[in-house]
Amino acid sequence: MADVTLKAAYGSVVEDEGQLFVGFAAGEDEAEGYVLFRQAVGGGPVWFEVNDETFGAEDAIAVVTEGPKGIEITLRPERAATFGWATSVAVRIGPDCEDGDATKAALRDMLASVWAS
């Protein structure tokens, strides 16, 4: 069971100023919770944050697994303090998640080196 779980209502893939942003949100209001992945368009380290920039770090993801309910992100143990001592984040992506499949596909490409399934 994940330490943090987000039930995604929206997925988003945006390219802006040489950066690729891939994220899932529980709602339209930022206070409802989100996960965000950011990487230079040409590749490189991935920034990952949960709900606030304070809870984010570069190169924080150890492995991502995909299952029937969504994805689970396992964080590197040395990054746990940055994420409020969380070691895993689940993103539940149901059939009603707007742009969920496209966002998951973009994320799979971005995180290919740590995507386990």
PDB file of N, CA and C in Angstrom:
ATOM      1  N   MET A   1       0.838  -1.176   0.000  1.00  0.00           N
ATOM      2  CA  MET A   1       0.000   0.000   0.000  1.00  0.00           C
ATOM      3  C   MET A   1       0.886   1.242   0.000  1.00  0.00           C
ATOM      4  N   ALA A   2       0.568   2.208  -0.825  1.00  0.00           N
ATOM      5  CA  ALA A   2       1.362   3.427  -0.972  1.00  0.00           C
ATOM      6  C   ALA A   2       1.167   4.355   0.226  1.00  0.00           C
ATOM      7  N   ASP A   3       2.196   5.151   0.508  1.00  0.00           N
ATOM      8  CA  ASP A   3       2.124   6.152   1.568  1.00  0.00           C
ATOM      9  C   ASP A   3       1.230   7.322   1.176  1.00  0.00           C
ATOM     10  N   VAL A   4       1.208   7.662  -0.107  1.00  0.00           N
ATOM     11  CA  VAL A   4       0.385   8.748  -0.640  1.00  0.00           C
ATOM     12  C   VAL A   4      -0.386   8.195  -1.830  1.00  0.00           C
ATOM     13  N   THR A   5      -1.686   8.467  -1.889  1.00  0.00           N
ATOM     14  CA  THR A   5      -2.503   8.015  -3.015  1.00  0.00           C
ATOM     15  C   THR A   5      -3.254   9.202  -3.605  1.00  0.00           C
ATOM     16  N   LEU A   6      -3.180   9.305  -4.927  1.00  0.00           N
ATOM     17  CA  LEU A   6      -3.893  10.348  -5.654  1.00  0.00           C
ATOM     18  C   LEU A   6      -4.864   9.665  -6.603  1.00  0.00           C
ATOM     19  N   LYS A   7      -6.139  10.034  -6.502  1.00  0.00           N
ATOM     20  CA  LYS A   7      -7.131   9.547  -7.449  1.00  0.00           C
ATOM     21  C   LYS A   7      -7.248  10.594  -8.554  1.00  0.00           C
ATOM     22  N   ALA A   8      -6.690  10.278  -9.718  1.00  0.00           N
ATOM     23  CA  ALA A   8      -6.569  11.251 -10.802  1.00  0.00           C
ATOM     24  C   ALA A   8      -7.895  11.468 -11.531  1.00  0.00           C
ATOM     25  N   ALA A   9      -8.265  12.731 -11.655  1.00  0.00           N
ATOM     26  CA  ALA A   9      -9.420  13.126 -12.466  1.00  0.00           C
ATOM     27  C   ALA A   9      -8.956  13.651 -13.818  1.00  0.00           C
ATOM     28  N   TYR A  10      -7.721  14.171 -13.853  1.00  0.00           N
ATOM     29  CA  TYR A  10      -7.164  14.782 -15.060  1.00  0.00           C
ATOM     30  C   TYR A  10      -5.711  14.355 -15.258  1.00  0.00           C
ATOM     31  N   GLY A  11      -5.340  14.193 -16.499  1.00  0.00           N
ATOM     32  CA  GLY A  11      -3.948  14.014 -16.868  1.00  0.00           C
ATOM     33  C   GLY A  11      -3.558  15.131 -17.808  1.00  0.00           C
ATOM     34  N   SER A  12      -2.270  15.455 -17.850  1.00  0.00           N
ATOM     35  CA  SER A  12      -1.829  16.561 -18.686  1.00  0.00           C
ATOM     36  C   SER A  12      -0.401  16.348 -19.153  1.00  0.00           C
ATOM     37  N   VAL A  13      -0.161  16.680 -20.416  1.00  0.00           N
ATOM     38  CA  VAL A  13       1.179  16.671 -20.999  1.00  0.00           C
ATOM     39  C   VAL A  13       1.366  18.017 -21.679  1.00  0.00           C
ATOM     40  N   VAL A  14       2.374  18.779 -21.222  1.00  0.00           N
ATOM     41  CA  VAL A  14       2.612  20.116 -21.751  1.00  0.00           C
ATOM     42  C   VAL A  14       4.099  20.297 -21.997  1.00  0.00           C
ATOM     43  N   GLU A  15       4.422  20.836 -23.153  1.00  0.00           N
ATOM     44  CA  GLU A  15       5.799  21.213 -23.461  1.00  0.00           C
ATOM     45  C   GLU A  15       5.865  22.735 -23.430  1.00  0.00           C
ATOM     46  N   ASP A  16       6.808  23.259 -22.623  1.00  0.00           N
ATOM     47  CA  ASP A  16       6.924  24.706 -22.487  1.00  0.00           C
ATOM     48  C   ASP A  16       8.379  25.082 -22.222  1.00  0.00           C
ATOM     49  N   GLU A  17       8.899  25.996 -23.020  1.00  0.00           N
ATOM     50  CA  GLU A  17      10.249  26.528 -22.858  1.00  0.00           C
ATOM     51  C   GLU A  17      11.305  25.435 -22.684  1.00  0.00           C
ATOM     52  N   GLY A  18      11.232  24.409 -23.524  1.00  0.00           N
ATOM     53  CA  GLY A  18      12.230  23.345 -23.504  1.00  0.00           C
ATOM     54  C   GLY A  18      12.048  22.308 -22.417  1.00  0.00           C
ATOM     55  N   GLN A  19      10.943  22.390 -21.686  1.00  0.00           N
ATOM     56  CA  GLN A  19      10.654  21.426 -20.617  1.00  0.00           C
ATOM     57  C   GLN A  19       9.383  20.661 -20.962  1.00  0.00           C
ATOM     58  N   LEU A  20       9.362  19.392 -20.605  1.00  0.00           N
ATOM     59  CA  LEU A  20       8.169  18.562 -20.754  1.00  0.00           C
ATOM     60  C   LEU A  20       7.590  18.335 -19.363  1.00  0.00           C
ATOM     61  N   PHE A  21       6.319  18.699 -19.197  1.00  0.00           N
ATOM     62  CA  PHE A  21       5.612  18.537 -17.933  1.00  0.00           C
ATOM     63  C   PHE A  21       4.543  17.467 -18.126  1.00  0.00           C
ATOM     64  N   VAL A  22       4.566  16.452 -17.282  1.00  0.00           N
ATOM     65  CA  VAL A  22       3.574  15.388 -17.315  1.00  0.00           C
ATOM     66  C   VAL A  22       2.994  15.301 -15.906  1.00  0.00           C
ATOM     67  N   GLY A  23       1.676  15.341 -15.795  1.00  0.00           N
ATOM     68  CA  GLY A  23       1.102  15.330 -14.459  1.00  0.00           C
ATOM     69  C   GLY A  23      -0.308  14.784 -14.402  1.00  0.00           C
ATOM     70  N   PHE A  24      -0.692  14.457 -13.191  1.00  0.00           N
ATOM     71  CA  PHE A  24      -2.049  14.016 -12.890  1.00  0.00           C
ATOM     72  C   PHE A  24      -2.560  14.866 -11.742  1.00  0.00           C
ATOM     73  N   ALA A  25      -3.851  15.207 -11.781  1.00  0.00           N
ATOM     74  CA  ALA A  25      -4.457  16.024 -10.730  1.00  0.00           C
ATOM     75  C   ALA A  25      -5.779  15.413 -10.289  1.00  0.00           C
ATOM     76  N   ALA A  26      -6.076  15.589  -9.012  1.00  0.00           N
ATOM     77  CA  ALA A  26      -7.334  15.088  -8.461  1.00  0.00           C
ATOM     78  C   ALA A  26      -8.505  15.978  -8.856  1.00  0.00           C
ATOM     79  N   GLY A  27      -8.225  17.220  -9.205  1.00  0.00           N
ATOM     80  CA  GLY A  27      -9.268  18.157  -9.604  1.00  0.00           C
ATOM     81  C   GLY A  27      -8.647  19.380 -10.229  1.00  0.00           C
ATOM     82  N   GLU A  28      -9.484  20.350 -10.531  1.00  0.00           N
ATOM     83  CA  GLU A  28      -9.001  21.572 -11.174  1.00  0.00           C
ATOM     84  C   GLU A  28      -8.296  22.512 -10.209  1.00  0.00           C
ATOM     85  N   ASP A  29      -8.593  22.408  -8.938  1.00  0.00           N
ATOM     86  CA  ASP A  29      -7.978  23.246  -7.919  1.00  0.00           C
ATOM     87  C   ASP A  29      -6.696  22.572  -7.432  1.00  0.00           C
ATOM     88  N   GLU A  30      -5.596  23.300  -7.434  1.00  0.00           N
ATOM     89  CA  GLU A  30      -4.308  22.755  -7.020  1.00  0.00           C
ATOM     90  C   GLU A  30      -4.349  22.170  -5.605  1.00  0.00           C
ATOM     91  N   ALA A  31      -5.224  22.670  -4.772  1.00  0.00           N
ATOM     92  CA  ALA A  31      -5.343  22.182  -3.401  1.00  0.00           C
ATOM     93  C   ALA A  31      -5.888  20.759  -3.333  1.00  0.00           C
ATOM     94  N   GLU A  32      -6.452  20.274  -4.428  1.00  0.00           N
ATOM     95  CA  GLU A  32      -7.015  18.919  -4.445  1.00  0.00           C
ATOM     96  C   GLU A  32      -5.950  17.834  -4.608  1.00  0.00           C
ATOM     97  N   GLY A  33      -4.745  18.200  -4.885  1.00  0.00           N
ATOM     98  CA  GLY A  33      -3.660  17.243  -4.986  1.00  0.00           C
ATOM     99  C   GLY A  33      -3.242  16.969  -6.421  1.00  0.00           C
ATOM    100  N   TYR A  34      -1.944  16.758  -6.589  1.00  0.00           N
ATOM    101  CA  TYR A  34      -1.398  16.470  -7.909  1.00  0.00           C
ATOM    102  C   TYR A  34      -0.048  15.775  -7.789  1.00  0.00           C
ATOM    103  N   VAL A  35       0.381  15.173  -8.860  1.00  0.00           N
ATOM    104  CA  VAL A  35       1.759  14.720  -9.022  1.00  0.00           C
ATOM    105  C   VAL A  35       2.251  15.319 -10.331  1.00  0.00           C
ATOM    106  N   LEU A  36       3.516  15.750 -10.347  1.00  0.00           N
ATOM    107  CA  LEU A  36       4.077  16.401 -11.514  1.00  0.00           C
ATOM    108  C   LEU A  36       5.476  15.863 -11.785  1.00  0.00           C
ATOM    109  N   PHE A  37       5.724  15.564 -13.043  1.00  0.00           N
ATOM    110  CA  PHE A  37       7.026  15.115 -13.508  1.00  0.00           C
ATOM    111  C   PHE A  37       7.503  16.147 -14.522  1.00  0.00           C
ATOM    112  N   ARG A  38       8.783  16.542 -14.436  1.00  0.00           N
ATOM    113  CA  ARG A  38       9.319  17.548 -15.358  1.00  0.00           C
ATOM    114  C   ARG A  38      10.705  17.095 -15.825  1.00  0.00           C
ATOM    115  N   GLN A  39      10.936  17.265 -17.123  1.00  0.00           N
ATOM    116  CA  GLN A  39      12.217  16.869 -17.705  1.00  0.00           C
ATOM    117  C   GLN A  39      12.495  17.758 -18.914  1.00  0.00           C
ATOM    118  N   ALA A  40      13.771  18.026 -19.165  1.00  0.00           N
ATOM    119  CA  ALA A  40      14.132  18.755 -20.381  1.00  0.00           C
ATOM    120  C   ALA A  40      13.681  17.926 -21.578  1.00  0.00           C
ATOM    121  N   VAL A  41      13.212  18.588 -22.619  1.00  0.00           N
ATOM    122  CA  VAL A  41      12.709  17.896 -23.809  1.00  0.00           C
ATOM    123  C   VAL A  41      13.758  16.945 -24.381  1.00  0.00           C
ATOM    124  N   GLY A  42      15.018  17.294 -24.306  1.00  0.00           N
ATOM    125  CA  GLY A  42      16.086  16.450 -24.827  1.00  0.00           C
ATOM    126  C   GLY A  42      16.488  15.302 -23.919  1.00  0.00           C
ATOM    127  N   GLY A  43      15.838  15.176 -22.762  1.00  0.00           N
ATOM    128  CA  GLY A  43      16.167  14.116 -21.807  1.00  0.00           C
ATOM    129  C   GLY A  43      16.900  14.676 -20.601  1.00  0.00           C
ATOM    130  N   GLY A  44      17.340  13.795 -19.748  1.00  0.00           N
ATOM    131  CA  GLY A  44      18.048  14.194 -18.530  1.00  0.00           C
ATOM    132  C   GLY A  44      17.269  13.811 -17.292  1.00  0.00           C
ATOM    133  N   PRO A  45      17.709  14.329 -16.140  1.00  0.00           N
ATOM    134  CA  PRO A  45      17.055  13.979 -14.875  1.00  0.00           C
ATOM    135  C   PRO A  45      15.594  14.413 -14.852  1.00  0.00           C
ATOM    136  N   VAL A  46      14.799  13.672 -14.113  1.00  0.00           N
ATOM    137  CA  VAL A  46      13.372  13.971 -13.970  1.00  0.00           C
ATOM    138  C   VAL A  46      13.123  14.557 -12.582  1.00  0.00           C
ATOM    139  N   TRP A  47      12.443  15.693 -12.558  1.00  0.00           N
ATOM    140  CA  TRP A  47      11.969  16.303 -11.320  1.00  0.00           C
ATOM    141  C   TRP A  47      10.595  15.704 -11.026  1.00  0.00           C
ATOM    142  N   PHE A  48      10.356  15.299  -9.779  1.00  0.00           N
ATOM    143  CA  PHE A  48       9.062  14.745  -9.375  1.00  0.00           C
ATOM    144  C   PHE A  48       8.597  15.487  -8.135  1.00  0.00           C
ATOM    145  N   GLU A  49       7.334  15.915  -8.143  1.00  0.00           N
ATOM    146  CA  GLU A  49       6.783  16.564  -6.959  1.00  0.00           C
ATOM    147  C   GLU A  49       5.372  16.071  -6.687  1.00  0.00           C
ATOM    148  N   VAL A  50       4.993  16.156  -5.410  1.00  0.00           N
ATOM    149  CA  VAL A  50       3.677  15.712  -4.953  1.00  0.00           C
ATOM    150  C   VAL A  50       3.018  16.840  -4.174  1.00  0.00           C
ATOM    151  N   ASN A  51       1.956  17.401  -4.729  1.00  0.00           N
ATOM    152  CA  ASN A  51       1.100  18.389  -4.069  1.00  0.00           C
ATOM    153  C   ASN A  51       1.708  19.766  -3.831  1.00  0.00           C
ATOM    154  N   ASP A  52       3.014  19.901  -3.874  1.00  0.00           N
ATOM    155  CA  ASP A  52       3.657  21.185  -3.619  1.00  0.00           C
ATOM    156  C   ASP A  52       5.119  21.075  -4.032  1.00  0.00           C
ATOM    157  N   GLU A  53       5.666  22.173  -4.519  1.00  0.00           N
ATOM    158  CA  GLU A  53       7.076  22.165  -4.941  1.00  0.00           C
ATOM    159  C   GLU A  53       8.012  21.787  -3.790  1.00  0.00           C
ATOM    160  N   THR A  54       7.594  22.065  -2.558  1.00  0.00           N
ATOM    161  CA  THR A  54       8.389  21.718  -1.379  1.00  0.00           C
ATOM    162  C   THR A  54       8.623  20.218  -1.300  1.00  0.00           C
ATOM    163  N   PHE A  55       7.643  19.446  -1.738  1.00  0.00           N
ATOM    164  CA  PHE A  55       7.735  17.987  -1.705  1.00  0.00           C
ATOM    165  C   PHE A  55       8.141  17.474  -3.079  1.00  0.00           C
ATOM    166  N   GLY A  56       9.316  17.918  -3.529  1.00  0.00           N
ATOM    167  CA  GLY A  56       9.794  17.521  -4.841  1.00  0.00           C
ATOM    168  C   GLY A  56      11.301  17.445  -4.879  1.00  0.00           C
ATOM    169  N   ALA A  57      11.798  16.632  -5.801  1.00  0.00           N
ATOM    170  CA  ALA A  57      13.245  16.485  -5.953  1.00  0.00           C
ATOM    171  C   ALA A  57      13.556  15.906  -7.321  1.00  0.00           C
ATOM    172  N   GLU A  58      14.758  16.170  -7.755  1.00  0.00           N
ATOM    173  CA  GLU A  58      15.267  15.602  -8.995  1.00  0.00           C
ATOM    174  C   GLU A  58      15.823  14.217  -8.695  1.00  0.00           C
ATOM    175  N   ASP A  59      15.646  13.299  -9.647  1.00  0.00           N
ATOM    176  CA  ASP A  59      16.183  11.945  -9.535  1.00  0.00           C
ATOM    177  C   ASP A  59      15.694  11.240  -8.259  1.00  0.00           C
ATOM    178  N   ALA A  60      14.413  11.385  -7.960  1.00  0.00           N
ATOM    179  CA  ALA A  60      13.840  10.815  -6.738  1.00  0.00           C
ATOM    180  C   ALA A  60      13.185   9.453  -6.950  1.00  0.00           C
ATOM    181  N   ILE A  61      12.965   9.050  -8.204  1.00  0.00           N
ATOM    182  CA  ILE A  61      12.183   7.853  -8.494  1.00  0.00           C
ATOM    183  C   ILE A  61      13.093   6.643  -8.661  1.00  0.00           C
ATOM    184  N   ALA A  62      12.807   5.598  -7.881  1.00  0.00           N
ATOM    185  CA  ALA A  62      13.567   4.351  -7.986  1.00  0.00           C
ATOM    186  C   ALA A  62      12.958   3.433  -9.035  1.00  0.00           C
ATOM    187  N   VAL A  63      11.628   3.267  -8.980  1.00  0.00           N
ATOM    188  CA  VAL A  63      10.945   2.375  -9.912  1.00  0.00           C
ATOM    189  C   VAL A  63       9.471   2.766 -10.009  1.00  0.00           C
ATOM    190  N   VAL A  64       8.883   2.511 -11.179  1.00  0.00           N
ATOM    191  CA  VAL A  64       7.458   2.728 -11.398  1.00  0.00           C
ATOM    192  C   VAL A  64       6.868   1.413 -11.870  1.00  0.00           C
ATOM    193  N   THR A  65       5.780   0.998 -11.240  1.00  0.00           N
ATOM    194  CA  THR A  65       5.071  -0.212 -11.666  1.00  0.00           C
ATOM    195  C   THR A  65       3.659   0.177 -12.066  1.00  0.00           C
ATOM    196  N   GLU A  66       3.142  -0.561 -13.031  1.00  0.00           N
ATOM    197  CA  GLU A  66       1.793  -0.295 -13.528  1.00  0.00           C
ATOM    198  C   GLU A  66       0.906  -1.489 -13.229  1.00  0.00           C
ATOM    199  N   GLY A  67      -0.294  -1.194 -12.778  1.00  0.00           N
ATOM    200  CA  GLY A  67      -1.266  -2.235 -12.506  1.00  0.00           C
ATOM    201  C   GLY A  67      -2.623  -1.822 -13.032  1.00  0.00           C
ATOM    202  N   PRO A  68      -3.645  -2.631 -12.778  1.00  0.00           N
ATOM    203  CA  PRO A  68      -4.975  -2.335 -13.303  1.00  0.00           C
ATOM    204  C   PRO A  68      -5.597  -1.050 -12.745  1.00  0.00           C
ATOM    205  N   LYS A  69      -5.150  -0.590 -11.587  1.00  0.00           N
ATOM    206  CA  LYS A  69      -5.725   0.625 -10.995  1.00  0.00           C
ATOM    207  C   LYS A  69      -4.911   1.879 -11.285  1.00  0.00           C
ATOM    208  N   GLY A  70      -3.742   1.736 -11.902  1.00  0.00           N
ATOM    209  CA  GLY A  70      -2.911   2.910 -12.175  1.00  0.00           C
ATOM    210  C   GLY A  70      -1.443   2.591 -12.033  1.00  0.00           C
ATOM    211  N   ILE A  71      -0.704   3.544 -11.481  1.00  0.00           N
ATOM    212  CA  ILE A  71       0.735   3.368 -11.329  1.00  0.00           C
ATOM    213  C   ILE A  71       1.150   3.571  -9.882  1.00  0.00           C
ATOM    214  N   GLU A  72       2.271   2.963  -9.520  1.00  0.00           N
ATOM    215  CA  GLU A  72       2.855   3.179  -8.204  1.00  0.00           C
ATOM    216  C   GLU A  72       4.306   3.580  -8.395  1.00  0.00           C
ATOM    217  N   ILE A  73       4.667   4.670  -7.757  1.00  0.00           N
ATOM    218  CA  ILE A  73       6.008   5.222  -7.851  1.00  0.00           C
ATOM    219  C   ILE A  73       6.723   4.931  -6.539  1.00  0.00           C
ATOM    220  N   THR A  74       7.805   4.199  -6.617  1.00  0.00           N
ATOM    221  CA  THR A  74       8.628   3.939  -5.445  1.00  0.00           C
ATOM    222  C   THR A  74       9.770   4.947  -5.452  1.00  0.00           C
ATOM    223  N   LEU A  75       9.901   5.668  -4.355  1.00  0.00           N
ATOM    224  CA  LEU A  75      10.911   6.711  -4.251  1.00  0.00           C
ATOM    225  C   LEU A  75      12.230   6.144  -3.729  1.00  0.00           C
ATOM    226  N   ARG A  76      13.307   6.782  -4.101  1.00  0.00           N
ATOM    227  CA  ARG A  76      14.624   6.391  -3.585  1.00  0.00           C
ATOM    228  C   ARG A  76      14.632   6.647  -2.074  1.00  0.00           C
ATOM    229  N   PRO A  77      15.108   5.693  -1.288  1.00  0.00           N
ATOM    230  CA  PRO A  77      15.088   5.846   0.177  1.00  0.00           C
ATOM    231  C   PRO A  77      15.771   7.129   0.663  1.00  0.00           C
ATOM    232  N   GLU A  78      16.837   7.529  -0.011  1.00  0.00           N
ATOM    233  CA  GLU A  78      17.549   8.736   0.428  1.00  0.00           C
ATOM    234  C   GLU A  78      16.764  10.016   0.158  1.00  0.00           C
ATOM    235  N   ARG A  79      15.673   9.931  -0.563  1.00  0.00           N
ATOM    236  CA  ARG A  79      14.823  11.092  -0.853  1.00  0.00           C
ATOM    237  C   ARG A  79      13.577  11.139   0.040  1.00  0.00           C
ATOM    238  N   ALA A  80      13.383  10.169   0.910  1.00  0.00           N
ATOM    239  CA  ALA A  80      12.164  10.076   1.719  1.00  0.00           C
ATOM    240  C   ALA A  80      11.901  11.331   2.550  1.00  0.00           C
ATOM    241  N   ALA A  81      12.924  11.917   3.128  1.00  0.00           N
ATOM    242  CA  ALA A  81      12.722  13.115   3.962  1.00  0.00           C
ATOM    243  C   ALA A  81      12.121  14.255   3.149  1.00  0.00           C
ATOM    244  N   THR A  82      12.512  14.378   1.896  1.00  0.00           N
ATOM    245  CA  THR A  82      11.988  15.424   1.022  1.00  0.00           C
ATOM    246  C   THR A  82      10.486  15.275   0.808  1.00  0.00           C
ATOM    247  N   PHE A  83      10.010  14.044   0.842  1.00  0.00           N
ATOM    248  CA  PHE A  83       8.600  13.759   0.570  1.00  0.00           C
ATOM    249  C   PHE A  83       7.832  13.459   1.864  1.00  0.00           C
ATOM    250  N   GLY A  84       8.242  14.066   2.965  1.00  0.00           N
ATOM    251  CA  GLY A  84       7.554  13.865   4.243  1.00  0.00           C
ATOM    252  C   GLY A  84       7.650  12.434   4.724  1.00  0.00           C
ATOM    253  N   TRP A  85       8.749  11.777   4.415  1.00  0.00           N
ATOM    254  CA  TRP A  85       9.058  10.390   4.765  1.00  0.00           C
ATOM    255  C   TRP A  85       8.217   9.374   4.009  1.00  0.00           C
ATOM    256  N   ALA A  86       7.544   9.805   2.989  1.00  0.00           N
ATOM    257  CA  ALA A  86       6.832   8.863   2.115  1.00  0.00           C
ATOM    258  C   ALA A  86       7.854   8.107   1.274  1.00  0.00           C
ATOM    259  N   THR A  87       7.578   6.841   1.027  1.00  0.00           N
ATOM    260  CA  THR A  87       8.473   6.037   0.194  1.00  0.00           C
ATOM    261  C   THR A  87       7.797   5.578  -1.090  1.00  0.00           C
ATOM    262  N   SER A  88       6.480   5.798  -1.185  1.00  0.00           N
ATOM    263  CA  SER A  88       5.775   5.410  -2.402  1.00  0.00           C
ATOM    264  C   SER A  88       4.538   6.287  -2.605  1.00  0.00           C
ATOM    265  N   VAL A  89       4.214   6.474  -3.882  1.00  0.00           N
ATOM    266  CA  VAL A  89       3.062   7.291  -4.274  1.00  0.00           C
ATOM    267  C   VAL A  89       2.265   6.505  -5.306  1.00  0.00           C
ATOM    268  N   ALA A  90       0.982   6.310  -5.051  1.00  0.00           N
ATOM    269  CA  ALA A  90       0.103   5.634  -6.008  1.00  0.00           C
ATOM    270  C   ALA A  90      -0.742   6.678  -6.728  1.00  0.00           C
ATOM    271  N   VAL A  91      -0.866   6.498  -8.030  1.00  0.00           N
ATOM    272  CA  VAL A  91      -1.741   7.350  -8.826  1.00  0.00           C
ATOM    273  C   VAL A  91      -2.808   6.439  -9.420  1.00  0.00           C
ATOM    274  N   ARG A  92      -4.022   6.571  -8.949  1.00  0.00           N
ATOM    275  CA  ARG A  92      -5.138   5.767  -9.435  1.00  0.00           C
ATOM    276  C   ARG A  92      -5.717   6.444 -10.668  1.00  0.00           C
ATOM    277  N   ILE A  93      -5.674   5.741 -11.791  1.00  0.00           N
ATOM    278  CA  ILE A  93      -6.094   6.304 -13.069  1.00  0.00           C
ATOM    279  C   ILE A  93      -7.256   5.465 -13.590  1.00  0.00           C
ATOM    280  N   GLY A  94      -8.452   5.895 -13.281  1.00  0.00           N
ATOM    281  CA  GLY A  94      -9.642   5.169 -13.710  1.00  0.00           C
ATOM    282  C   GLY A  94     -10.081   5.569 -15.101  1.00  0.00           C
ATOM    283  N   PRO A  95     -11.121   4.918 -15.610  1.00  0.00           N
ATOM    284  CA  PRO A  95     -11.608   5.205 -16.957  1.00  0.00           C
ATOM    285  C   PRO A  95     -12.179   6.622 -17.112  1.00  0.00           C
ATOM    286  N   ASP A  96     -12.533   7.267 -16.013  1.00  0.00           N
ATOM    287  CA  ASP A  96     -13.076   8.625 -16.079  1.00  0.00           C
ATOM    288  C   ASP A  96     -12.003   9.706 -16.006  1.00  0.00           C
ATOM    289  N   CYS A  97     -10.741   9.308 -15.907  1.00  0.00           N
ATOM    290  CA  CYS A  97      -9.640  10.281 -15.850  1.00  0.00           C
ATOM    291  C   CYS A  97      -9.451  10.903 -17.231  1.00  0.00           C
ATOM    292  N   GLU A  98      -9.706  12.209 -17.332  1.00  0.00           N
ATOM    293  CA  GLU A  98      -9.579  12.906 -18.605  1.00  0.00           C
ATOM    294  C   GLU A  98      -8.115  12.897 -19.062  1.00  0.00           C
ATOM    295  N   ASP A  99      -7.879  12.431 -20.284  1.00  0.00           N
ATOM    296  CA  ASP A  99      -6.546  12.325 -20.884  1.00  0.00           C
ATOM    297  C   ASP A  99      -5.623  11.382 -20.119  1.00  0.00           C
ATOM    298  N   GLY A 100      -6.188  10.469 -19.363  1.00  0.00           N
ATOM    299  CA  GLY A 100      -5.389   9.538 -18.556  1.00  0.00           C
ATOM    300  C   GLY A 100      -4.487   8.638 -19.380  1.00  0.00           C
ATOM    301  N   ASP A 101      -5.009   8.050 -20.451  1.00  0.00           N
ATOM    302  CA  ASP A 101      -4.205   7.132 -21.253  1.00  0.00           C
ATOM    303  C   ASP A 101      -3.048   7.842 -21.947  1.00  0.00           C
ATOM    304  N   ALA A 102      -3.306   9.004 -22.518  1.00  0.00           N
ATOM    305  CA  ALA A 102      -2.252   9.764 -23.205  1.00  0.00           C
ATOM    306  C   ALA A 102      -1.184  10.221 -22.220  1.00  0.00           C
ATOM    307  N   THR A 103      -1.613  10.628 -21.036  1.00  0.00           N
ATOM    308  CA  THR A 103      -0.665  11.079 -20.022  1.00  0.00           C
ATOM    309  C   THR A 103       0.183   9.914 -19.531  1.00  0.00           C
ATOM    310  N   LYS A 104      -0.455   8.782 -19.327  1.00  0.00           N
ATOM    311  CA  LYS A 104       0.297   7.600 -18.886  1.00  0.00           C
ATOM    312  C   LYS A 104       1.301   7.169 -19.948  1.00  0.00           C
ATOM    313  N   ALA A 105       0.939   7.240 -21.215  1.00  0.00           N
ATOM    314  CA  ALA A 105       1.857   6.888 -22.303  1.00  0.00           C
ATOM    315  C   ALA A 105       3.056   7.834 -22.335  1.00  0.00           C
ATOM    316  N   ALA A 106       2.822   9.132 -22.167  1.00  0.00           N
ATOM    317  CA  ALA A 106       3.920  10.102 -22.140  1.00  0.00           C
ATOM    318  C   ALA A 106       4.825   9.857 -20.937  1.00  0.00           C
ATOM    319  N   LEU A 107       4.227   9.518 -19.821  1.00  0.00           N
ATOM    320  CA  LEU A 107       5.000   9.236 -18.618  1.00  0.00           C
ATOM    321  C   LEU A 107       5.840   7.974 -18.793  1.00  0.00           C
ATOM    322  N   ARG A 108       5.257   6.974 -19.424  1.00  0.00           N
ATOM    323  CA  ARG A 108       5.994   5.734 -19.689  1.00  0.00           C
ATOM    324  C   ARG A 108       7.237   6.032 -20.532  1.00  0.00           C
ATOM    325  N   ASP A 109       7.103   6.888 -21.528  1.00  0.00           N
ATOM    326  CA  ASP A 109       8.254   7.278 -22.348  1.00  0.00           C
ATOM    327  C   ASP A 109       9.294   8.031 -21.518  1.00  0.00           C
ATOM    328  N   MET A 110       8.832   8.983 -20.700  1.00  0.00           N
ATOM    329  CA  MET A 110       9.732   9.796 -19.895  1.00  0.00           C
ATOM    330  C   MET A 110      10.500   8.943 -18.904  1.00  0.00           C
ATOM    331  N   LEU A 111       9.833   7.970 -18.302  1.00  0.00           N
ATOM    332  CA  LEU A 111      10.415   7.179 -17.224  1.00  0.00           C
ATOM    333  C   LEU A 111      10.810   5.766 -17.652  1.00  0.00           C
ATOM    334  N   ALA A 112      11.085   5.600 -18.935  1.00  0.00           N
ATOM    335  CA  ALA A 112      11.384   4.268 -19.480  1.00  0.00           C
ATOM    336  C   ALA A 112      12.470   3.535 -18.703  1.00  0.00           C
ATOM    337  N   SER A 113      13.462   4.252 -18.219  1.00  0.00           N
ATOM    338  CA  SER A 113      14.589   3.604 -17.530  1.00  0.00           C
ATOM    339  C   SER A 113      14.209   3.047 -16.158  1.00  0.00           C
ATOM    340  N   VAL A 114      13.097   3.509 -15.567  1.00  0.00           N
ATOM    341  CA  VAL A 114      12.672   3.006 -14.254  1.00  0.00           C
ATOM    342  C   VAL A 114      11.288   2.359 -14.295  1.00  0.00           C
ATOM    343  N   TRP A 115      10.701   2.256 -15.486  1.00  0.00           N
ATOM    344  CA  TRP A 115       9.359   1.678 -15.635  1.00  0.00           C
ATOM    345  C   TRP A 115       9.493   0.162 -15.626  1.00  0.00           C
ATOM    346  N   ALA A 116       8.904  -0.493 -14.633  1.00  0.00           N
ATOM    347  CA  ALA A 116       9.118  -1.924 -14.446  1.00  0.00           C
ATOM    348  C   ALA A 116       8.106  -2.821 -15.145  1.00  0.00           C
ATOM    349  N   SER A 117       6.982  -2.298 -15.590  1.00  0.00           N
ATOM    350  CA  SER A 117       5.992  -3.198 -16.189  1.00  0.00           C
ATOM    351  C   SER A 117       5.630  -2.789 -17.593  1.00  0.00           C
TER     352      SER A 117
END
